[in-house]
């Protein structure tokens, strides 16, 4: 999967927008937090719970891994997009979106599956 393909999937989730974030492109939920960032090198970072991070890393070793240090312990997870497919990326993005979306939005508009 390419960076642009994954970014399109992220922006297809309810009430999202993108903006520059340092040297990356960030995607956030409107009135919520950043849930994914995209690098020019074809990688994606997503914010998961520690349990989600462990599950995805075990299911896709070498493709999904915790970011080293404190960011990774907080759930930030690196994804090598070249080693992924659409179902995996969409699952990662949906999990990250749910963690960033405000409660009212979660109740009113569940993410696209």
C-alpha atoms as a PDB file:
ATOM      1  CA  UNK A   1       0.000   0.000   0.000  1.00  0.00           C
ATOM      2  CA  UNK A   2       1.260   3.477  -0.760  1.00  0.00           C
ATOM      3  CA  UNK A   3       1.332   6.494   1.516  1.00  0.00           C
ATOM      4  CA  UNK A   4      -1.285   8.239  -0.628  1.00  0.00           C
ATOM      5  CA  UNK A   5      -3.594   5.194  -0.551  1.00  0.00           C
ATOM      6  CA  UNK A   6      -3.365   5.005   3.243  1.00  0.00           C
ATOM      7  CA  UNK A   7      -3.857   8.766   3.603  1.00  0.00           C
ATOM      8  CA  UNK A   8      -6.998   8.517   1.445  1.00  0.00           C
ATOM      9  CA  UNK A   9      -8.344   5.759   3.729  1.00  0.00           C
ATOM     10  CA  UNK A  10      -7.633   7.881   6.815  1.00  0.00           C
ATOM     11  CA  UNK A  11      -9.412  10.890   5.346  1.00  0.00           C
ATOM     12  CA  UNK A  12     -12.376   8.660   4.470  1.00  0.00           C
ATOM     13  CA  UNK A  13     -13.138   8.150   8.145  1.00  0.00           C
ATOM     14  CA  UNK A  14     -15.836  10.398   9.643  1.00  0.00           C
ATOM     15  CA  UNK A  15     -14.992  14.046  10.320  1.00  0.00           C
ATOM     16  CA  UNK A  16     -11.265  13.945   9.629  1.00  0.00           C
ATOM     17  CA  UNK A  17      -8.860  16.493   8.229  1.00  0.00           C
ATOM     18  CA  UNK A  18      -5.167  16.621   7.415  1.00  0.00           C
ATOM     19  CA  UNK A  19      -2.536  19.220   8.202  1.00  0.00           C
ATOM     20  CA  UNK A  20       1.245  19.476   8.206  1.00  0.00           C
ATOM     21  CA  UNK A  21       2.854  18.221  11.403  1.00  0.00           C
ATOM     22  CA  UNK A  22       6.620  18.829  11.506  1.00  0.00           C
ATOM     23  CA  UNK A  23       8.007  16.806   8.562  1.00  0.00           C
ATOM     24  CA  UNK A  24       4.886  14.620   8.307  1.00  0.00           C
ATOM     25  CA  UNK A  25       1.217  14.884   7.355  1.00  0.00           C
ATOM     26  CA  UNK A  26      -1.094  14.444  10.341  1.00  0.00           C
ATOM     27  CA  UNK A  27      -4.703  13.292  10.247  1.00  0.00           C
ATOM     28  CA  UNK A  28      -6.958  14.210  13.121  1.00  0.00           C
ATOM     29  CA  UNK A  29     -10.594  13.926  14.029  1.00  0.00           C
ATOM     30  CA  UNK A  30     -12.361  17.282  13.893  1.00  0.00           C
ATOM     31  CA  UNK A  31     -12.737  18.414  17.524  1.00  0.00           C
ATOM     32  CA  UNK A  32     -10.497  15.488  18.463  1.00  0.00           C
ATOM     33  CA  UNK A  33      -6.863  14.495  18.421  1.00  0.00           C
ATOM     34  CA  UNK A  34      -4.301  13.354  15.877  1.00  0.00           C
ATOM     35  CA  UNK A  35      -4.676   9.633  15.260  1.00  0.00           C
ATOM     36  CA  UNK A  36      -2.262   9.073  12.365  1.00  0.00           C
ATOM     37  CA  UNK A  37       0.744  10.658  10.723  1.00  0.00           C
ATOM     38  CA  UNK A  38       2.303   9.904   7.347  1.00  0.00           C
ATOM     39  CA  UNK A  39       5.940  10.266   6.352  1.00  0.00           C
ATOM     40  CA  UNK A  40       7.345  10.879   2.906  1.00  0.00           C
ATOM     41  CA  UNK A  41       9.256   7.586   3.096  1.00  0.00           C
ATOM     42  CA  UNK A  42       6.074   5.485   3.016  1.00  0.00           C
ATOM     43  CA  UNK A  43       5.526   4.934   6.699  1.00  0.00           C
ATOM     44  CA  UNK A  44       2.497   5.612   8.850  1.00  0.00           C
ATOM     45  CA  UNK A  45       2.298   6.155  12.594  1.00  0.00           C
ATOM     46  CA  UNK A  46      -0.959   5.473  14.416  1.00  0.00           C
ATOM     47  CA  UNK A  47      -1.988   5.993  18.044  1.00  0.00           C
ATOM     48  CA  UNK A  48      -3.301   2.743  19.524  1.00  0.00           C
ATOM     49  CA  UNK A  49      -3.895   1.463  23.021  1.00  0.00           C
ATOM     50  CA  UNK A  50      -1.008  -0.620  24.351  1.00  0.00           C
ATOM     51  CA  UNK A  51      -3.143  -3.778  23.972  1.00  0.00           C
ATOM     52  CA  UNK A  52      -4.034  -2.928  20.365  1.00  0.00           C
ATOM     53  CA  UNK A  53      -0.398  -2.142  19.649  1.00  0.00           C
ATOM     54  CA  UNK A  54       0.710  -5.532  20.967  1.00  0.00           C
ATOM     55  CA  UNK A  55      -2.000  -7.396  19.035  1.00  0.00           C
ATOM     56  CA  UNK A  56      -1.224  -5.686  15.702  1.00  0.00           C
ATOM     57  CA  UNK A  57       2.549  -6.054  16.180  1.00  0.00           C
ATOM     58  CA  UNK A  58       2.166  -9.774  16.853  1.00  0.00           C
ATOM     59  CA  UNK A  59      -0.119 -10.242  13.839  1.00  0.00           C
ATOM     60  CA  UNK A  60       2.205  -8.374  11.448  1.00  0.00           C
ATOM     61  CA  UNK A  61       5.791  -8.683  12.740  1.00  0.00           C
ATOM     62  CA  UNK A  62       8.308  -6.554  10.899  1.00  0.00           C
ATOM     63  CA  UNK A  63       5.496  -4.398   9.500  1.00  0.00           C
ATOM     64  CA  UNK A  64       3.843  -3.047  12.668  1.00  0.00           C
ATOM     65  CA  UNK A  65       5.982  -2.102  15.671  1.00  0.00           C
ATOM     66  CA  UNK A  66       6.036   0.242  18.644  1.00  0.00           C
ATOM     67  CA  UNK A  67       7.908   3.490  18.091  1.00  0.00           C
ATOM     68  CA  UNK A  68      11.008   3.329  20.315  1.00  0.00           C
ATOM     69  CA  UNK A  69      10.952   5.101  23.673  1.00  0.00           C
ATOM     70  CA  UNK A  70       8.188   6.943  25.434  1.00  0.00           C
ATOM     71  CA  UNK A  71       6.088   7.548  22.338  1.00  0.00           C
ATOM     72  CA  UNK A  72       5.807   3.804  21.774  1.00  0.00           C
ATOM     73  CA  UNK A  73       4.907   3.144  25.401  1.00  0.00           C
ATOM     74  CA  UNK A  74       2.051   5.647  24.912  1.00  0.00           C
ATOM     75  CA  UNK A  75       0.746   3.547  22.010  1.00  0.00           C
ATOM     76  CA  UNK A  76       2.304   5.283  19.017  1.00  0.00           C
ATOM     77  CA  UNK A  77       2.934   2.565  16.473  1.00  0.00           C
ATOM     78  CA  UNK A  78       4.971   2.579  13.247  1.00  0.00           C
ATOM     79  CA  UNK A  79       3.605   0.846  10.149  1.00  0.00           C
ATOM     80  CA  UNK A  80       5.734   0.045   7.086  1.00  0.00           C
ATOM     81  CA  UNK A  81       3.104   0.627   4.413  1.00  0.00           C
ATOM     82  CA  UNK A  82       5.007  -1.322   1.734  1.00  0.00           C
ATOM     83  CA  UNK A  83       4.338  -4.504   3.725  1.00  0.00           C
ATOM     84  CA  UNK A  84       0.626  -3.925   4.257  1.00  0.00           C
ATOM     85  CA  UNK A  85      -2.666  -4.336   2.476  1.00  0.00           C
ATOM     86  CA  UNK A  86      -5.882  -2.351   2.643  1.00  0.00           C
ATOM     87  CA  UNK A  87      -7.663  -4.507   5.270  1.00  0.00           C
ATOM     88  CA  UNK A  88      -4.737  -4.204   7.712  1.00  0.00           C
ATOM     89  CA  UNK A  89      -4.350  -0.447   7.196  1.00  0.00           C
ATOM     90  CA  UNK A  90      -8.093   0.121   7.556  1.00  0.00           C
ATOM     91  CA  UNK A  91      -8.145  -1.932  10.782  1.00  0.00           C
ATOM     92  CA  UNK A  92      -5.250   0.101  12.192  1.00  0.00           C
ATOM     93  CA  UNK A  93      -6.833   3.400  11.183  1.00  0.00           C
ATOM     94  CA  UNK A  94     -10.239   2.449  12.592  1.00  0.00           C
ATOM     95  CA  UNK A  95      -8.682   1.512  15.938  1.00  0.00           C
ATOM     96  CA  UNK A  96      -6.701   4.761  16.042  1.00  0.00           C
ATOM     97  CA  UNK A  97      -9.734   6.827  14.953  1.00  0.00           C
ATOM     98  CA  UNK A  98     -11.870   5.341  17.752  1.00  0.00           C
ATOM     99  CA  UNK A  99      -9.214   6.291  20.285  1.00  0.00           C
ATOM    100  CA  UNK A 100      -9.077   9.909  19.096  1.00  0.00           C
ATOM    101  CA  UNK A 101     -12.727  10.666  18.357  1.00  0.00           C
ATOM    102  CA  UNK A 102     -14.840  12.510  20.917  1.00  0.00           C
ATOM    103  CA  UNK A 103     -17.466  10.391  22.670  1.00  0.00           C
ATOM    104  CA  UNK A 104     -20.374  12.192  20.989  1.00  0.00           C
ATOM    105  CA  UNK A 105     -18.946  11.509  17.549  1.00  0.00           C
ATOM    106  CA  UNK A 106     -18.405   7.840  18.379  1.00  0.00           C
ATOM    107  CA  UNK A 107     -22.036   7.522  19.401  1.00  0.00           C
ATOM    108  CA  UNK A 108     -23.375   9.413  16.377  1.00  0.00           C
ATOM    109  CA  UNK A 109     -21.105   8.206  13.582  1.00  0.00           C
ATOM    110  CA  UNK A 110     -19.201   4.949  13.888  1.00  0.00           C
ATOM    111  CA  UNK A 111     -16.154   4.630  11.607  1.00  0.00           C
ATOM    112  CA  UNK A 112     -16.347   3.230   8.079  1.00  0.00           C
ATOM    113  CA  UNK A 113     -15.511  -0.463   7.877  1.00  0.00           C
END
